[in-house]
Amino acid sequence: SGGGLAQAGDSLALSCAASGLTSKDATMGWFRQSPGN
């Protein structure tokens, strides 16, 4: 959650909640896919 529209120089915050069979030792991260890529 947390995506949206911003202007250059602005700030945005994303969050990601994990549920189900989660592990306390897991690594979490972010990837992104740019338009046309």
Full PDB file with SEQRES, HELIX, SHEET, SSBOND, CRYST1, ORIGX, SCALE, CONECT and MASTER records, all heavy atoms in Angstrom:
SEQRES   1 A   37  SER GLY GLY GLY LEU ALA GLN ALA GLY ASP SER LEU ALA          
SEQRES   2 A   37  LEU SER CYS ALA ALA SER GLY LEU THR SER LYS ASP ALA          
SEQRES   3 A   37  THR MET GLY TRP PHE ARG GLN SER PRO GLY ASN                  
CRYST1    1.000    1.000    1.000  90.00  90.00  90.00 P 1           1          
ORIGX1      1.000000  0.000000  0.000000        0.00000                         
ORIGX2      0.000000  1.000000  0.000000        0.00000                         
ORIGX3      0.000000  0.000000  1.000000        0.00000                         
SCALE1      1.000000  0.000000  0.000000        0.00000                         
SCALE2      0.000000  1.000000  0.000000        0.00000                         
SCALE3      0.000000  0.000000  1.000000        0.00000                         
ATOM      1  N   SER A   1       0.850  -1.187   0.000  1.00  0.00           N  
ATOM      2  CA  SER A   1       0.000   0.000   0.000  1.00  0.00           C  
ATOM      3  C   SER A   1       0.882   1.232   0.000  1.00  0.00           C  
ATOM      4  O   SER A   1       2.088   1.151   0.308  1.00  0.00           O  
ATOM      5  CB  SER A   1      -0.933   0.016   1.213  1.00  0.00           C  
ATOM      6  OG  SER A   1      -0.196   0.009   2.411  1.00  0.00           O  
ATOM      7  N   GLY A   2       0.299   2.365  -0.350  1.00  0.00           N  
ATOM      8  CA  GLY A   2       1.013   3.634  -0.245  1.00  0.00           C  
ATOM      9  C   GLY A   2       1.438   4.252  -1.551  1.00  0.00           C  
ATOM     10  O   GLY A   2       1.993   5.356  -1.554  1.00  0.00           O  
ATOM     11  N   GLY A   3       1.214   3.576  -2.665  1.00  0.00           N  
ATOM     12  CA  GLY A   3       1.592   4.168  -3.929  1.00  0.00           C  
ATOM     13  C   GLY A   3       0.696   5.348  -4.270  1.00  0.00           C  
ATOM     14  O   GLY A   3      -0.286   5.625  -3.588  1.00  0.00           O  
ATOM     15  N   GLY A   4       1.062   6.036  -5.336  1.00  0.00           N  
ATOM     16  CA  GLY A   4       0.256   7.168  -5.761  1.00  0.00           C  
ATOM     17  C   GLY A   4       1.022   8.102  -6.657  1.00  0.00           C  
ATOM     18  O   GLY A   4       2.066   7.744  -7.206  1.00  0.00           O  
ATOM     19  N   LEU A   5       0.497   9.304  -6.781  1.00  0.00           N  
ATOM     20  CA  LEU A   5       1.068  10.316  -7.651  1.00  0.00           C  
ATOM     21  C   LEU A   5       1.850  11.334  -6.829  1.00  0.00           C  
ATOM     22  O   LEU A   5       1.380  11.779  -5.778  1.00  0.00           O  
ATOM     23  CB  LEU A   5      -0.043  11.018  -8.409  1.00  0.00           C  
ATOM     24  CG  LEU A   5       0.359  12.131  -9.381  1.00  0.00           C  
ATOM     25  CD1 LEU A   5       1.220  11.574 -10.503  1.00  0.00           C  
ATOM     26  CD2 LEU A   5      -0.892  12.814  -9.929  1.00  0.00           C  
ATOM     27  N   ALA A   6       3.033  11.676  -7.297  1.00  0.00           N  
ATOM     28  CA  ALA A   6       3.862  12.657  -6.618  1.00  0.00           C  
ATOM     29  C   ALA A   6       4.569  13.517  -7.659  1.00  0.00           C  
ATOM     30  O   ALA A   6       4.658  13.137  -8.830  1.00  0.00           O  
ATOM     31  CB  ALA A   6       4.887  11.974  -5.714  1.00  0.00           C  
ATOM     32  N   GLN A   7       5.055  14.642  -7.212  1.00  0.00           N  
ATOM     33  CA  GLN A   7       5.862  15.482  -8.077  1.00  0.00           C  
ATOM     34  C   GLN A   7       7.336  15.268  -7.754  1.00  0.00           C  
ATOM     35  O   GLN A   7       7.681  14.818  -6.647  1.00  0.00           O  
ATOM     36  CB  GLN A   7       5.491  16.950  -7.882  1.00  0.00           C  
ATOM     37  CG  GLN A   7       4.095  17.299  -8.367  1.00  0.00           C  
ATOM     38  CD  GLN A   7       3.807  18.785  -8.334  1.00  0.00           C  
ATOM     39  OE1 GLN A   7       4.410  19.521  -7.563  1.00  0.00           O  
ATOM     40  NE2 GLN A   7       2.896  19.236  -9.178  1.00  0.00           N  
ATOM     41  N   ALA A   8       8.174  15.578  -8.707  1.00  0.00           N  
ATOM     42  CA  ALA A   8       9.604  15.454  -8.478  1.00  0.00           C  
ATOM     43  C   ALA A   8       9.997  16.262  -7.242  1.00  0.00           C  
ATOM     44  O   ALA A   8       9.559  17.398  -7.075  1.00  0.00           O  
ATOM     45  CB  ALA A   8      10.376  15.936  -9.698  1.00  0.00           C  
ATOM     46  N   GLY A   9      10.799  15.619  -6.387  1.00  0.00           N  
ATOM     47  CA  GLY A   9      11.217  16.251  -5.146  1.00  0.00           C  
ATOM     48  C   GLY A   9      10.360  15.905  -3.955  1.00  0.00           C  
ATOM     49  O   GLY A   9      10.755  16.135  -2.807  1.00  0.00           O  
ATOM     50  N   ASP A  10       9.192  15.344  -4.203  1.00  0.00           N  
ATOM     51  CA  ASP A  10       8.284  14.955  -3.131  1.00  0.00           C  
ATOM     52  C   ASP A  10       8.735  13.661  -2.468  1.00  0.00           C  
ATOM     53  O   ASP A  10       9.695  13.003  -2.909  1.00  0.00           O  
ATOM     54  CB  ASP A  10       6.866  14.761  -3.679  1.00  0.00           C  
ATOM     55  CG  ASP A  10       6.150  16.064  -3.937  1.00  0.00           C  
ATOM     56  OD1 ASP A  10       6.704  17.134  -3.600  1.00  0.00           O  
ATOM     57  OD2 ASP A  10       5.039  16.008  -4.503  1.00  0.00           O  
ATOM     58  N   SER A  11       7.997  13.295  -1.435  1.00  0.00           N  
ATOM     59  CA  SER A  11       8.229  12.043  -0.720  1.00  0.00           C  
ATOM     60  C   SER A  11       6.972  11.189  -0.741  1.00  0.00           C  
ATOM     61  O   SER A  11       5.848  11.707  -0.756  1.00  0.00           O  
ATOM     62  CB  SER A  11       8.622  12.322   0.734  1.00  0.00           C  
ATOM     63  OG  SER A  11       9.819  13.060   0.815  1.00  0.00           O  
ATOM     64  N   LEU A  12       7.186   9.888  -0.756  1.00  0.00           N  
ATOM     65  CA  LEU A  12       6.106   8.917  -0.627  1.00  0.00           C  
ATOM     66  C   LEU A  12       6.609   7.777   0.238  1.00  0.00           C  
ATOM     67  O   LEU A  12       7.818   7.497   0.268  1.00  0.00           O  
ATOM     68  CB  LEU A  12       5.689   8.352  -1.979  1.00  0.00           C  
ATOM     69  CG  LEU A  12       4.704   9.120  -2.850  1.00  0.00           C  
ATOM     70  CD1 LEU A  12       4.488   8.367  -4.167  1.00  0.00           C  
ATOM     71  CD2 LEU A  12       3.375   9.319  -2.134  1.00  0.00           C  
ATOM     72  N   ALA A  13       5.678   7.118   0.917  1.00  0.00           N  
ATOM     73  CA  ALA A  13       6.039   5.960   1.728  1.00  0.00           C  
ATOM     74  C   ALA A  13       5.195   4.775   1.318  1.00  0.00           C  
ATOM     75  O   ALA A  13       3.979   4.886   1.172  1.00  0.00           O  
ATOM     76  CB  ALA A  13       5.845   6.272   3.202  1.00  0.00           C  
ATOM     77  N   LEU A  14       5.842   3.657   1.133  1.00  0.00           N  
ATOM     78  CA  LEU A  14       5.175   2.403   0.820  1.00  0.00           C  
ATOM     79  C   LEU A  14       5.252   1.472   2.025  1.00  0.00           C  
ATOM     80  O   LEU A  14       6.193   1.555   2.820  1.00  0.00           O  
ATOM     81  CB  LEU A  14       5.842   1.721  -0.367  1.00  0.00           C  
ATOM     82  CG  LEU A  14       6.000   2.523  -1.648  1.00  0.00           C  
ATOM     83  CD1 LEU A  14       6.654   1.654  -2.720  1.00  0.00           C  
ATOM     84  CD2 LEU A  14       4.667   3.064  -2.129  1.00  0.00           C  
ATOM     85  N   SER A  15       4.269   0.614   2.136  1.00  0.00           N  
ATOM     86  CA  SER A  15       4.319  -0.412   3.158  1.00  0.00           C  
ATOM     87  C   SER A  15       3.871  -1.732   2.567  1.00  0.00           C  
ATOM     88  O   SER A  15       3.169  -1.771   1.561  1.00  0.00           O  
ATOM     89  CB  SER A  15       3.448  -0.047   4.358  1.00  0.00           C  
ATOM     90  OG  SER A  15       2.087   0.054   3.980  1.00  0.00           O  
ATOM     91  N   CYS A  16       4.292  -2.800   3.193  1.00  0.00           N  
ATOM     92  CA  CYS A  16       3.963  -4.143   2.736  1.00  0.00           C  
ATOM     93  C   CYS A  16       3.794  -5.031   3.961  1.00  0.00           C  
ATOM     94  O   CYS A  16       4.740  -5.203   4.730  1.00  0.00           O  
ATOM     95  CB  CYS A  16       5.065  -4.679   1.832  1.00  0.00           C  
ATOM     96  SG  CYS A  16       4.907  -6.432   1.435  1.00  0.00           S  
ATOM     97  N   ALA A  17       2.610  -5.584   4.088  1.00  0.00           N  
ATOM     98  CA  ALA A  17       2.320  -6.447   5.226  1.00  0.00           C  
ATOM     99  C   ALA A  17       2.319  -7.904   4.791  1.00  0.00           C  
ATOM    100  O   ALA A  17       1.659  -8.261   3.808  1.00  0.00           O  
ATOM    101  CB  ALA A  17       0.966  -6.079   5.822  1.00  0.00           C  
ATOM    102  N   ALA A  18       3.048  -8.713   5.531  1.00  0.00           N  
ATOM    103  CA  ALA A  18       3.102 -10.145   5.260  1.00  0.00           C  
ATOM    104  C   ALA A  18       2.163 -10.878   6.201  1.00  0.00           C  
ATOM    105  O   ALA A  18       2.067 -10.554   7.388  1.00  0.00           O  
ATOM    106  CB  ALA A  18       4.525 -10.650   5.443  1.00  0.00           C  
ATOM    107  N   SER A  19       1.499 -11.880   5.665  1.00  0.00           N  
ATOM    108  CA  SER A  19       0.612 -12.703   6.486  1.00  0.00           C  
ATOM    109  C   SER A  19       0.722 -14.151   6.041  1.00  0.00           C  
ATOM    110  O   SER A  19       1.311 -14.454   5.006  1.00  0.00           O  
ATOM    111  CB  SER A  19      -0.832 -12.215   6.367  1.00  0.00           C  
ATOM    112  OG  SER A  19      -1.300 -12.348   5.039  1.00  0.00           O  
ATOM    113  N   GLY A  20       0.158 -15.039   6.829  1.00  0.00           N  
ATOM    114  CA  GLY A  20       0.236 -16.464   6.524  1.00  0.00           C  
ATOM    115  C   GLY A  20       1.357 -17.110   7.318  1.00  0.00           C  
ATOM    116  O   GLY A  20       1.594 -16.765   8.468  1.00  0.00           O  
ATOM    117  N   LEU A  21       2.066 -18.023   6.687  1.00  0.00           N  
ATOM    118  CA  LEU A  21       3.118 -18.780   7.380  1.00  0.00           C  
ATOM    119  C   LEU A  21       4.419 -17.982   7.374  1.00  0.00           C  
ATOM    120  O   LEU A  21       5.403 -18.370   6.736  1.00  0.00           O  
ATOM    121  CB  LEU A  21       3.295 -20.139   6.715  1.00  0.00           C  
ATOM    122  CG  LEU A  21       2.069 -21.055   6.741  1.00  0.00           C  
ATOM    123  CD1 LEU A  21       2.353 -22.349   5.986  1.00  0.00           C  
ATOM    124  CD2 LEU A  21       1.666 -21.344   8.175  1.00  0.00           C  
ATOM    125  N   THR A  22       4.434 -16.895   8.101  1.00  0.00           N  
ATOM    126  CA  THR A  22       5.601 -16.021   8.117  1.00  0.00           C  
ATOM    127  C   THR A  22       6.671 -16.548   9.059  1.00  0.00           C  
ATOM    128  O   THR A  22       6.398 -17.333   9.973  1.00  0.00           O  
ATOM    129  CB  THR A  22       5.211 -14.601   8.533  1.00  0.00           C  
ATOM    130  OG1 THR A  22       4.596 -14.651   9.823  1.00  0.00           O  
ATOM    131  CG2 THR A  22       4.253 -13.984   7.534  1.00  0.00           C  
ATOM    132  N   SER A  23       7.885 -16.114   8.821  1.00  0.00           N  
ATOM    133  CA  SER A  23       9.037 -16.503   9.628  1.00  0.00           C  
ATOM    134  C   SER A  23       9.695 -15.252  10.189  1.00  0.00           C  
ATOM    135  O   SER A  23       9.842 -14.254   9.486  1.00  0.00           O  
ATOM    136  CB  SER A  23      10.057 -17.264   8.789  1.00  0.00           C  
ATOM    137  OG  SER A  23      11.293 -17.375   9.483  1.00  0.00           O  
ATOM    138  N   LYS A  24      10.136 -15.295  11.439  1.00  0.00           N  
ATOM    139  CA  LYS A  24      10.782 -14.146  12.058  1.00  0.00           C  
ATOM    140  C   LYS A  24      12.146 -13.870  11.450  1.00  0.00           C  
ATOM    141  O   LYS A  24      12.713 -12.793  11.653  1.00  0.00           O  
ATOM    142  CB  LYS A  24      10.924 -14.349  13.562  1.00  0.00           C  
ATOM    143  CG  LYS A  24      11.819 -15.530  13.955  1.00  0.00           C  
ATOM    144  CD  LYS A  24      11.900 -15.667  15.463  1.00  0.00           C  
ATOM    145  CE  LYS A  24      12.773 -16.841  15.860  1.00  0.00           C  
ATOM    146  NZ  LYS A  24      14.159 -16.689  15.397  1.00  0.00           N  
ATOM    147  N   ASP A  25      12.687 -14.825  10.710  1.00  0.00           N  
ATOM    148  CA  ASP A  25      14.026 -14.673  10.139  1.00  0.00           C  
ATOM    149  C   ASP A  25      14.005 -14.251   8.669  1.00  0.00           C  
ATOM    150  O   ASP A  25      15.050 -14.187   8.035  1.00  0.00           O  
ATOM    151  CB  ASP A  25      14.789 -15.987  10.266  1.00  0.00           C  
ATOM    152  CG  ASP A  25      15.007 -16.390  11.710  1.00  0.00           C  
ATOM    153  OD1 ASP A  25      15.295 -15.505  12.529  1.00  0.00           O  
ATOM    154  OD2 ASP A  25      14.874 -17.590  12.007  1.00  0.00           O  
ATOM    155  N   ALA A  26      12.864 -13.965   8.129  1.00  0.00           N  
ATOM    156  CA  ALA A  26      12.759 -13.679   6.703  1.00  0.00           C  
ATOM    157  C   ALA A  26      13.349 -12.322   6.336  1.00  0.00           C  
ATOM    158  O   ALA A  26      13.284 -11.366   7.112  1.00  0.00           O  
ATOM    159  CB  ALA A  26      11.304 -13.728   6.268  1.00  0.00           C  
ATOM    160  N   THR A  27      13.903 -12.277   5.150  1.00  0.00           N  
ATOM    161  CA  THR A  27      14.320 -11.008   4.535  1.00  0.00           C  
ATOM    162  C   THR A  27      13.155 -10.479   3.707  1.00  0.00           C  
ATOM    163  O   THR A  27      12.439 -11.248   3.062  1.00  0.00           O  
ATOM    164  CB  THR A  27      15.540 -11.225   3.638  1.00  0.00           C  
ATOM    165  OG1 THR A  27      16.677 -11.512   4.463  1.00  0.00           O  
ATOM    166  CG2 THR A  27      15.842  -9.999   2.791  1.00  0.00           C  
ATOM    167  N   MET A  28      12.966  -9.181   3.747  1.00  0.00           N  
ATOM    168  CA  MET A  28      11.924  -8.550   2.933  1.00  0.00           C  
ATOM    169  C   MET A  28      12.555  -7.438   2.113  1.00  0.00           C  
ATOM    170  O   MET A  28      13.591  -6.877   2.502  1.00  0.00           O  
ATOM    171  CB  MET A  28      10.801  -8.006   3.812  1.00  0.00           C  
ATOM    172  CG  MET A  28      10.084  -9.085   4.606  1.00  0.00           C  
ATOM    173  SD  MET A  28       8.696  -8.461   5.585  1.00  0.00           S  
ATOM    174  CE  MET A  28       7.480  -8.159   4.291  1.00  0.00           C  
ATOM    175  N   GLY A  29      11.947  -7.151   0.991  1.00  0.00           N  
ATOM    176  CA  GLY A  29      12.540  -6.139   0.137  1.00  0.00           C  
ATOM    177  C   GLY A  29      11.572  -5.599  -0.890  1.00  0.00           C  
ATOM    178  O   GLY A  29      10.377  -5.924  -0.873  1.00  0.00           O  
ATOM    179  N   TRP A  30      12.120  -4.765  -1.777  1.00  0.00           N  
ATOM    180  CA  TRP A  30      11.334  -4.110  -2.821  1.00  0.00           C  
ATOM    181  C   TRP A  30      12.034  -4.208  -4.165  1.00  0.00           C  
ATOM    182  O   TRP A  30      13.258  -4.037  -4.255  1.00  0.00           O  
ATOM    183  CB  TRP A  30      11.131  -2.630  -2.477  1.00  0.00           C  
ATOM    184  CG  TRP A  30      10.318  -2.398  -1.248  1.00  0.00           C  
ATOM    185  CD1 TRP A  30      10.786  -2.260   0.031  1.00  0.00           C  
ATOM    186  CD2 TRP A  30       8.901  -2.283  -1.169  1.00  0.00           C  
ATOM    187  NE1 TRP A  30       9.725  -2.077   0.895  1.00  0.00           N  
ATOM    188  CE2 TRP A  30       8.563  -2.082   0.185  1.00  0.00           C  
ATOM    189  CE3 TRP A  30       7.866  -2.318  -2.112  1.00  0.00           C  
ATOM    190  CZ2 TRP A  30       7.241  -1.915   0.615  1.00  0.00           C  
ATOM    191  CZ3 TRP A  30       6.562  -2.153  -1.681  1.00  0.00           C  
ATOM    192  CH2 TRP A  30       6.262  -1.950  -0.333  1.00  0.00           C  
ATOM    193  N   PHE A  31      11.241  -4.474  -5.180  1.00  0.00           N  
ATOM    194  CA  PHE A  31      11.666  -4.378  -6.570  1.00  0.00           C  
ATOM    195  C   PHE A  31      10.731  -3.396  -7.263  1.00  0.00           C  
ATOM    196  O   PHE A  31       9.680  -3.043  -6.735  1.00  0.00           O  
ATOM    197  CB  PHE A  31      11.577  -5.741  -7.265  1.00  0.00           C  
ATOM    198  CG  PHE A  31      12.724  -6.662  -6.949  1.00  0.00           C  
ATOM    199  CD1 PHE A  31      12.868  -7.225  -5.689  1.00  0.00           C  
ATOM    200  CD2 PHE A  31      13.663  -6.969  -7.919  1.00  0.00           C  
ATOM    201  CE1 PHE A  31      13.925  -8.081  -5.400  1.00  0.00           C  
ATOM    202  CE2 PHE A  31      14.726  -7.824  -7.650  1.00  0.00           C  
ATOM    203  CZ  PHE A  31      14.854  -8.383  -6.391  1.00  0.00           C  
ATOM    204  N   ARG A  32      11.098  -2.967  -8.451  1.00  0.00           N  
ATOM    205  CA  ARG A  32      10.215  -2.102  -9.216  1.00  0.00           C  
ATOM    206  C   ARG A  32      10.328  -2.416 -10.702  1.00  0.00           C  
ATOM    207  O   ARG A  32      11.351  -2.862 -11.180  1.00  0.00           O  
ATOM    208  CB  ARG A  32      10.525  -0.625  -8.971  1.00  0.00           C  
ATOM    209  CG  ARG A  32      11.910  -0.160  -9.391  1.00  0.00           C  
ATOM    210  CD  ARG A  32      12.140   1.284  -8.948  1.00  0.00           C  
ATOM    211  NE  ARG A  32      13.477   1.767  -9.281  1.00  0.00           N  
ATOM    212  CZ  ARG A  32      13.950   2.955  -8.919  1.00  0.00           C  
ATOM    213  NH1 ARG A  32      13.194   3.801  -8.209  1.00  0.00           N  
ATOM    214  NH2 ARG A  32      15.172   3.323  -9.260  1.00  0.00           N  
ATOM    215  N   GLN A  33       9.222  -2.160 -11.398  1.00  0.00           N  
ATOM    216  CA  GLN A  33       9.167  -2.382 -12.834  1.00  0.00           C  
ATOM    217  C   GLN A  33       8.716  -1.096 -13.484  1.00  0.00           C  
ATOM    218  O   GLN A  33       7.569  -0.650 -13.285  1.00  0.00           O  
ATOM    219  CB  GLN A  33       8.205  -3.522 -13.171  1.00  0.00           C  
ATOM    220  CG  GLN A  33       8.196  -3.923 -14.623  1.00  0.00           C  
ATOM    221  CD  GLN A  33       7.431  -5.202 -14.855  1.00  0.00           C  
ATOM    222  OE1 GLN A  33       6.825  -5.771 -13.946  1.00  0.00           O  
ATOM    223  NE2 GLN A  33       7.470  -5.708 -16.073  1.00  0.00           N  
ATOM    224  N   SER A  34       9.611  -0.502 -14.259  1.00  0.00           N  
ATOM    225  CA  SER A  34       9.332   0.779 -14.897  1.00  0.00           C  
ATOM    226  C   SER A  34       8.466   0.573 -16.132  1.00  0.00           C  
ATOM    227  O   SER A  34       8.466  -0.511 -16.730  1.00  0.00           O  
ATOM    228  CB  SER A  34      10.645   1.456 -15.283  1.00  0.00           C  
ATOM    229  OG  SER A  34      11.454   1.626 -14.143  1.00  0.00           O  
ATOM    230  N   PRO A  35       7.744   1.595 -16.568  1.00  0.00           N  
ATOM    231  CA  PRO A  35       6.893   1.473 -17.755  1.00  0.00           C  
ATOM    232  C   PRO A  35       7.697   1.043 -18.973  1.00  0.00           C  
ATOM    233  O   PRO A  35       8.776   1.584 -19.245  1.00  0.00           O  
ATOM    234  CB  PRO A  35       6.344   2.895 -17.931  1.00  0.00           C  
ATOM    235  CG  PRO A  35       6.399   3.493 -16.577  1.00  0.00           C  
ATOM    236  CD  PRO A  35       7.613   2.908 -15.917  1.00  0.00           C  
ATOM    237  N   GLY A  36       7.174   0.069 -19.689  1.00  0.00           N  
ATOM    238  CA  GLY A  36       7.828  -0.412 -20.895  1.00  0.00           C  
ATOM    239  C   GLY A  36       9.000  -1.331 -20.648  1.00  0.00           C  
ATOM    240  O   GLY A  36       9.654  -1.774 -21.588  1.00  0.00           O  
ATOM    241  N   ASN A  37       9.271  -1.618 -19.383  1.00  0.00           N  
ATOM    242  CA  ASN A  37      10.403  -2.485 -19.050  1.00  0.00           C  
ATOM    243  C   ASN A  37       9.864  -3.815 -18.545  1.00  0.00           C  
ATOM    244  O   ASN A  37       9.093  -3.858 -17.589  1.00  0.00           O  
ATOM    245  CB  ASN A  37      11.255  -1.816 -17.984  1.00  0.00           C  
ATOM    246  CG  ASN A  37      12.623  -2.456 -17.853  1.00  0.00           C  
ATOM    247  OD1 ASN A  37      12.786  -3.642 -18.101  1.00  0.00           O  
ATOM    248  ND2 ASN A  37      13.597  -1.665 -17.442  1.00  0.00           N  
TER     249      ASN A  37                                                      
MASTER        0    0    0    0    0    0    0    6  248    1    0    3          
END                                                                             
